[in-house]
């Protein structure tokens, strides 16, 4: 094939295709022309690749055809737009829709922790069964407080973040089975109640709350959101409602994955507070105040942006263009 002659014969078509591809608005006739030129140019690119694979011409035509395809189909939103949509709509909407599950999980868990703490604090035999008197004294007088300052703040923040993100991920991943979520959650709640009970028995309950509340408000909320989401996922296949079980699991599973991703950021914030605020020299009221502000900011975020997104029809699932079509089913 005479490459120069081929280029000369189609140069005007390619120039016209480049012109139409660069326009922001086209009328009906121009849109039809763009599609026709795109189809011919795609065929011509194939011919050049097979008959006379000149690298410069192949690159030029490939770029031209790609631009024309984007102009015809519409360029997808950039990654930043998707990220903004996730944090302003999808994530808060998913958390808001699951609010009854994680709010109930929070209430029950705190009640269980309080009962365990009271039981440990008021029963010396339980304390003796947990650890020796020397070990309990070491925990109350030294270990609990030093835990928050024995490592470099940045390393401690990363360690805390990784651990809590792992707990949240397990709670959601095990959601399909139900009972493992309860087990993971109970381990954390029991440990919280146990340490609180030992600190209360040692007369240092004020220190316990002074060190737990700054980061624990947001951290525990995130863990309860993860556990509630996991239990909601379990219930999606137990009682899918008007949806098929497959569709219910697909929708709730995708929303649960989104919640898990969003909670990574929430737990990163609580990890920073735990590493830099909790062991700081700030007064107790100031440290707790910072934790309360972080918790209030998260709840406001969920119950404003999340509620608005749900009112607009967002359920925390993928965007409609990324989800496969579903055939209508009866009843």
Protein backbone atom coordinates (compact mmCIF):
# COMPACT_ATOMS: atom_id res chain seq x y z
CA UNK A 1 0.00 0.00 0.00
CA UNK A 2 1.22 3.49 -0.91
CA UNK A 3 1.12 5.11 2.50
CA UNK A 4 1.55 8.67 1.23
CA UNK A 5 -1.32 8.28 -1.20
CA UNK A 6 -3.50 6.76 1.51
CA UNK A 7 -2.81 9.66 3.88
CA UNK A 8 -3.46 12.18 1.10
CA UNK A 9 -6.79 10.55 0.27
CA UNK A 10 -8.10 10.65 3.85
CA UNK A 11 -6.38 13.75 5.26
CA UNK A 12 -9.49 15.93 4.97
CA UNK A 13 -11.68 13.32 6.68
CA UNK A 14 -9.26 13.10 9.59
CA UNK A 15 -9.05 16.87 9.88
CA UNK A 16 -12.84 17.10 9.92
CA UNK A 17 -13.04 14.36 12.57
CA UNK A 18 -10.52 16.23 14.72
CA UNK A 19 -12.55 19.42 14.36
CA UNK A 20 -15.86 17.81 15.32
CA UNK A 21 -14.28 15.91 18.22
CA UNK A 22 -13.02 19.15 19.71
CA UNK A 23 -16.35 20.95 19.69
CA UNK A 24 -18.37 21.18 22.90
CA UNK A 25 -21.75 21.30 21.13
CA UNK A 26 -22.94 19.63 17.92
CA UNK A 27 -26.25 19.75 16.13
CA UNK A 28 -27.98 16.62 14.85
CA UNK A 29 -26.31 16.57 11.43
CA UNK A 30 -22.86 17.16 12.91
CA UNK A 31 -23.37 14.36 15.43
CA UNK A 32 -24.26 11.95 12.62
CA UNK A 33 -21.22 13.11 10.67
CA UNK A 34 -18.99 12.61 13.71
CA UNK A 35 -20.19 9.02 14.16
CA UNK A 36 -19.73 8.21 10.47
CA UNK A 37 -16.22 9.69 10.38
CA UNK A 38 -15.33 7.87 13.60
CA UNK A 39 -16.41 4.52 12.13
CA UNK A 40 -14.48 5.11 8.88
CA UNK A 41 -11.37 6.29 10.75
CA UNK A 42 -11.46 3.25 13.03
CA UNK A 43 -11.54 1.04 9.94
CA UNK A 44 -8.71 3.04 8.35
CA UNK A 45 -6.64 2.67 11.52
CA UNK A 46 -7.08 -1.09 11.28
CA UNK A 47 -5.98 -1.03 7.63
CA UNK A 48 -2.87 1.00 8.41
CA UNK A 49 -1.92 -1.31 11.29
CA UNK A 50 -2.17 -4.41 9.11
CA UNK A 51 -0.86 -3.15 5.75
CA UNK A 52 1.62 -0.40 6.55
CA UNK A 53 2.24 -0.13 10.29
CA UNK A 54 3.94 3.24 10.35
CA UNK A 55 4.39 4.10 14.10
CA UNK A 56 3.82 7.83 13.71
CA UNK A 57 0.63 7.41 11.67
CA UNK A 58 -0.70 4.65 13.93
CA UNK A 59 -0.18 6.87 16.99
CA UNK A 60 -1.84 9.84 15.29
CA UNK A 61 -4.89 7.85 14.18
CA UNK A 62 -5.18 6.06 17.52
CA UNK A 63 -5.28 9.39 19.34
CA UNK A 64 -7.82 10.76 16.87
CA UNK A 65 -10.10 7.72 17.17
CA UNK A 66 -9.86 7.76 20.98
CA UNK A 67 -10.83 11.44 21.14
CA UNK A 68 -13.73 10.83 18.77
CA UNK A 69 -14.96 7.88 20.85
CA UNK A 70 -14.85 10.03 24.00
CA UNK A 71 -16.79 12.78 22.23
CA UNK A 72 -19.45 10.30 21.10
CA UNK A 73 -19.87 8.32 24.31
CA UNK A 74 -19.15 11.17 26.73
CA UNK A 75 -15.96 11.40 28.75
CA UNK A 76 -16.26 9.70 32.14
CA UNK A 77 -15.93 11.77 35.28
CA UNK A 78 -12.47 11.97 36.68
CA UNK A 79 -11.26 10.14 39.75
CA UNK A 80 -11.55 13.29 41.85
CA UNK A 81 -15.21 13.63 40.92
CA UNK A 82 -15.84 10.02 41.91
CA UNK A 83 -14.00 10.56 45.19
CA UNK A 84 -16.01 13.69 45.95
CA UNK A 85 -19.25 11.88 45.15
CA UNK A 86 -18.27 9.02 47.45
CA UNK A 87 -17.63 11.24 50.48
CA UNK A 88 -20.51 13.66 49.89
CA UNK A 89 -23.19 11.14 48.86
CA UNK A 90 -22.45 7.42 48.78
CA UNK A 91 -20.67 6.94 52.11
CA UNK A 92 -22.88 9.18 54.29
CA UNK A 93 -26.00 7.79 52.59
CA UNK A 94 -24.97 4.20 53.32
CA UNK A 95 -24.20 5.00 56.96
CA UNK A 96 -27.44 6.93 57.34
CA UNK A 97 -29.52 4.07 55.90
CA UNK A 98 -27.92 1.67 58.38
CA UNK A 99 -28.44 4.06 61.31
CA UNK A 100 -31.02 1.90 63.13
CA UNK A 101 -28.69 -1.09 63.04
CA UNK A 102 -25.58 0.65 64.31
CA UNK A 103 -27.48 2.82 66.81
CA UNK A 104 -29.03 -0.32 68.32
CA UNK A 105 -25.62 -2.01 68.28
CA UNK A 106 -24.12 1.00 70.05
CA UNK A 107 -26.82 1.09 72.74
CA UNK A 108 -26.68 -2.65 73.47
CA UNK A 109 -22.87 -2.74 73.45
CA UNK A 110 -22.49 0.14 75.86
CA UNK A 111 -25.08 -1.41 78.14
CA UNK A 112 -23.20 -4.72 78.12
CA UNK A 113 -19.89 -2.92 78.77
CA UNK A 114 -21.45 -1.05 81.70
CA UNK A 115 -22.81 -4.28 83.21
CA UNK A 116 -19.44 -6.02 82.84
CA UNK A 117 -17.66 -3.02 84.33
CA UNK A 118 -20.03 -2.92 87.31
CA UNK A 119 -19.69 -6.67 87.84
CA UNK A 120 -15.88 -6.53 87.81
CA UNK A 121 -15.72 -3.40 90.00
CA UNK A 122 -18.04 -4.79 92.70
CA UNK A 123 -16.85 -8.39 92.86
CA UNK A 124 -13.28 -8.86 94.16
CA UNK A 125 -13.42 -12.56 93.29
CA UNK A 126 -13.88 -11.66 89.63
CA UNK A 127 -10.88 -9.34 89.79
CA UNK A 128 -8.83 -12.12 91.37
CA UNK A 129 -9.88 -14.51 88.62
CA UNK A 130 -8.75 -12.06 85.95
CA UNK A 131 -5.27 -11.31 87.31
CA UNK A 132 -3.24 -11.22 90.48
CA UNK A 133 -3.41 -8.22 92.82
CA UNK A 134 0.03 -7.06 91.70
CA UNK A 135 -0.94 -7.22 88.05
CA UNK A 136 -4.18 -5.33 88.67
CA UNK A 137 -2.30 -2.70 90.69
CA UNK A 138 0.27 -2.34 87.89
CA UNK A 139 -2.49 -1.87 85.34
CA UNK A 140 -4.40 0.69 87.40
CA UNK A 141 -1.45 2.73 88.62
CA UNK A 142 0.82 2.62 85.59
CA UNK A 143 0.16 0.45 82.54
CA UNK A 144 -3.18 1.88 81.44
CA UNK A 145 -1.90 5.46 81.39
CA UNK A 146 1.55 4.65 79.98
CA UNK A 147 0.01 2.66 77.11
CA UNK A 148 -0.85 5.91 75.36
CA UNK A 149 2.62 7.42 75.59
CA UNK A 150 5.13 4.56 75.48
CA UNK A 151 5.48 4.70 71.68
CA UNK A 152 6.25 7.55 69.30
CA UNK A 153 2.99 9.31 68.43
CA UNK A 154 3.22 8.73 64.69
CA UNK A 155 3.98 5.01 65.09
CA UNK A 156 1.26 4.63 67.69
CA UNK A 157 -1.28 6.34 65.41
CA UNK A 158 -0.44 3.95 62.58
CA UNK A 159 -0.67 0.94 64.92
CA UNK A 160 -4.02 2.01 66.35
CA UNK A 161 -5.42 2.82 62.92
CA UNK A 162 -4.38 -0.55 61.49
CA UNK A 163 -5.86 -2.47 64.43
CA UNK A 164 -9.17 -0.64 64.42
CA UNK A 165 -9.50 -0.77 60.64
CA UNK A 166 -8.92 -4.52 60.85
CA UNK A 167 -11.65 -4.92 63.49
CA UNK A 168 -14.06 -2.87 61.37
CA UNK A 169 -13.21 -4.85 58.25
CA UNK A 170 -13.75 -8.16 60.07
CA UNK A 171 -17.12 -6.99 61.37
CA UNK A 172 -18.29 -6.21 57.85
CA UNK A 173 -16.63 -9.20 56.16
CA UNK A 174 -18.20 -11.63 58.66
CA UNK A 175 -21.57 -9.93 58.25
CA UNK A 176 -22.81 -12.54 55.81
CA UNK A 177 -22.59 -15.12 58.65
CA UNK A 178 -24.01 -12.98 61.46
CA UNK A 179 -22.68 -14.67 64.60
CA UNK A 180 -18.97 -13.91 63.99
CA UNK A 181 -19.85 -10.20 64.04
CA UNK A 182 -21.39 -10.61 67.49
CA UNK A 183 -18.28 -12.50 68.64
CA UNK A 184 -15.82 -9.84 67.39
CA UNK A 185 -17.95 -7.08 68.89
CA UNK A 186 -18.32 -8.83 72.25
CA UNK A 187 -14.56 -9.26 72.55
CA UNK A 188 -14.06 -5.52 72.25
CA UNK A 189 -16.98 -4.64 74.51
CA UNK A 190 -15.93 -7.14 77.19
CA UNK A 191 -12.38 -5.82 77.18
CA UNK A 192 -13.68 -2.26 77.55
CA UNK A 193 -15.92 -3.23 80.48
CA UNK A 194 -13.19 -5.30 82.12
CA UNK A 195 -10.57 -2.54 82.07
CA UNK A 196 -13.15 0.04 83.16
CA UNK A 197 -14.22 -2.18 86.06
CA UNK A 198 -10.62 -2.68 87.22
CA UNK A 199 -9.92 1.05 87.03
CA UNK A 200 -13.13 1.77 88.99
CA UNK A 201 -12.17 -0.74 91.66
CA UNK A 202 -8.81 0.98 91.96
CA UNK A 203 -10.41 4.40 92.38
CA UNK A 204 -9.20 5.71 89.04
CA UNK A 205 -12.40 5.77 86.99
CA UNK A 206 -11.79 9.47 86.27
CA UNK A 207 -8.47 8.61 84.63
CA UNK A 208 -10.15 5.83 82.64
CA UNK A 209 -12.73 8.16 81.13
CA UNK A 210 -10.20 10.95 80.75
CA UNK A 211 -8.07 8.74 78.52
CA UNK A 212 -10.80 6.77 76.76
CA UNK A 213 -13.25 9.51 75.80
CA UNK A 214 -11.03 11.80 73.67
CA UNK A 215 -10.52 9.18 70.96
CA UNK A 216 -13.02 6.53 72.07
CA UNK A 217 -16.14 8.50 71.15
CA UNK A 218 -15.30 8.48 67.44
CA UNK A 219 -13.41 5.19 67.48
CA UNK A 220 -16.19 3.19 69.13
CA UNK A 221 -18.83 4.81 66.93
CA UNK A 222 -16.89 3.65 63.87
CA UNK A 223 -16.63 0.11 65.28
CA UNK A 224 -20.37 0.08 66.04
CA UNK A 225 -21.16 1.35 62.54
CA UNK A 226 -19.08 -1.50 61.11
CA UNK A 227 -20.77 -4.09 63.33
CA UNK A 228 -24.24 -2.74 62.59
CA UNK A 229 -23.46 -2.80 58.87
CA UNK A 230 -22.31 -6.40 59.12
CA UNK A 231 -25.49 -7.42 60.91
CA UNK A 232 -27.59 -5.54 58.35
CA UNK A 233 -25.82 -7.44 55.57
CA UNK A 234 -26.63 -10.70 57.36
CA UNK A 235 -30.29 -9.71 57.59
CA UNK A 236 -30.37 -8.86 53.86
CA UNK A 237 -30.31 -12.54 52.94
CA UNK A 238 -32.42 -13.66 55.91
CA UNK A 239 -35.21 -11.23 55.01
CA UNK A 240 -34.57 -9.56 51.62
CA UNK A 241 -38.05 -8.02 51.45
CA UNK A 242 -39.40 -7.43 47.93
CA UNK A 243 -35.93 -7.96 46.43
CA UNK A 244 -34.47 -11.31 45.48
CA UNK A 245 -31.81 -12.55 47.88
CA UNK A 246 -29.14 -12.18 45.21
CA UNK A 247 -30.09 -8.59 44.52
CA UNK A 248 -30.40 -7.73 48.23
CA UNK A 249 -26.96 -9.16 48.96
CA UNK A 250 -25.45 -7.40 45.95
CA UNK A 251 -26.85 -3.99 46.88
CA UNK A 252 -26.16 -4.23 50.61
CA UNK A 253 -22.77 -5.84 50.01
CA UNK A 254 -21.63 -3.02 47.76
CA UNK A 255 -22.89 -0.46 50.28
CA UNK A 256 -21.07 -2.34 53.08
CA UNK A 257 -17.79 -2.24 51.16
CA UNK A 258 -18.27 1.50 50.70
CA UNK A 259 -18.85 1.93 54.43
CA UNK A 260 -15.70 -0.07 55.17
CA UNK A 261 -13.68 2.21 52.88
CA UNK A 262 -15.12 5.35 54.45
CA UNK A 263 -14.49 4.10 57.98
CA UNK A 264 -10.80 3.79 57.17
CA UNK A 265 -10.70 7.60 57.05
CA UNK A 266 -12.84 7.95 60.19
CA UNK A 267 -10.58 5.57 62.11
CA UNK A 268 -7.51 7.41 60.84
CA UNK A 269 -8.89 10.55 62.48
CA UNK A 270 -9.55 8.74 65.75
CA UNK A 271 -6.06 7.22 65.59
CA UNK A 272 -4.51 10.67 65.27
CA UNK A 273 -6.53 11.87 68.26
CA UNK A 274 -5.49 8.83 70.29
CA UNK A 275 -1.83 9.33 69.47
CA UNK A 276 -1.52 13.11 69.75
CA UNK A 277 -4.42 14.35 71.91
CA UNK A 278 -5.14 11.59 74.45
CA UNK A 279 -1.60 11.52 75.98
CA UNK A 280 -1.03 15.27 75.59
CA UNK A 281 -0.61 17.70 78.45
CA UNK A 282 -3.91 19.42 77.71
CA UNK A 283 -6.45 19.59 80.54
CA UNK A 284 -8.86 16.66 80.65
CA UNK A 285 -11.81 18.85 79.68
CA UNK A 286 -9.94 20.09 76.60
CA UNK A 287 -8.98 16.58 75.48
CA UNK A 288 -12.52 15.28 75.94
CA UNK A 289 -13.82 18.39 74.20
CA UNK A 290 -11.71 17.66 71.12
CA UNK A 291 -13.04 14.10 71.04
CA UNK A 292 -16.61 15.33 71.45
CA UNK A 293 -16.18 17.81 68.59
CA UNK A 294 -14.85 15.04 66.32
CA UNK A 295 -17.81 12.82 67.25
CA UNK A 296 -20.29 15.66 66.71
CA UNK A 297 -18.73 16.46 63.33
CA UNK A 298 -19.11 12.84 62.20
CA UNK A 299 -22.72 12.55 63.36
CA UNK A 300 -23.60 15.89 61.76
CA UNK A 301 -21.96 14.75 58.54
CA UNK A 302 -23.98 11.52 58.49
CA UNK A 303 -27.31 13.00 59.52
CA UNK A 304 -27.14 15.97 57.15
CA UNK A 305 -25.30 14.89 54.00
CA UNK A 306 -26.47 11.31 54.44
CA UNK A 307 -30.10 12.25 54.90
CA UNK A 308 -30.02 14.66 51.95
CA UNK A 309 -28.43 12.00 49.73
CA UNK A 310 -31.05 9.40 50.71
CA UNK A 311 -33.83 11.91 50.03
CA UNK A 312 -32.38 12.31 46.53
CA UNK A 313 -32.54 8.55 46.01
CA UNK A 314 -28.95 7.57 46.84
CA UNK A 315 -28.74 4.28 48.76
CA UNK A 316 -24.97 4.14 49.08
CA UNK A 317 -24.65 1.74 46.15
CA UNK A 318 -22.55 2.25 43.06
CA UNK A 319 -23.57 4.88 40.54
CA UNK A 320 -26.30 3.67 38.19
CA UNK A 321 -23.92 3.57 35.23
CA UNK A 322 -21.64 1.13 37.07
CA UNK A 323 -24.37 -1.33 38.10
CA UNK A 324 -25.74 -4.00 35.80
CA UNK A 325 -29.36 -3.66 34.71
CA UNK A 326 -31.95 -5.73 36.56
CA UNK A 327 -34.97 -7.28 34.91
CA UNK A 328 -38.28 -6.37 36.54
CA UNK A 329 -39.83 -9.14 38.58
CA UNK A 330 -43.38 -9.70 39.73
CA UNK A 331 -44.49 -9.16 43.31
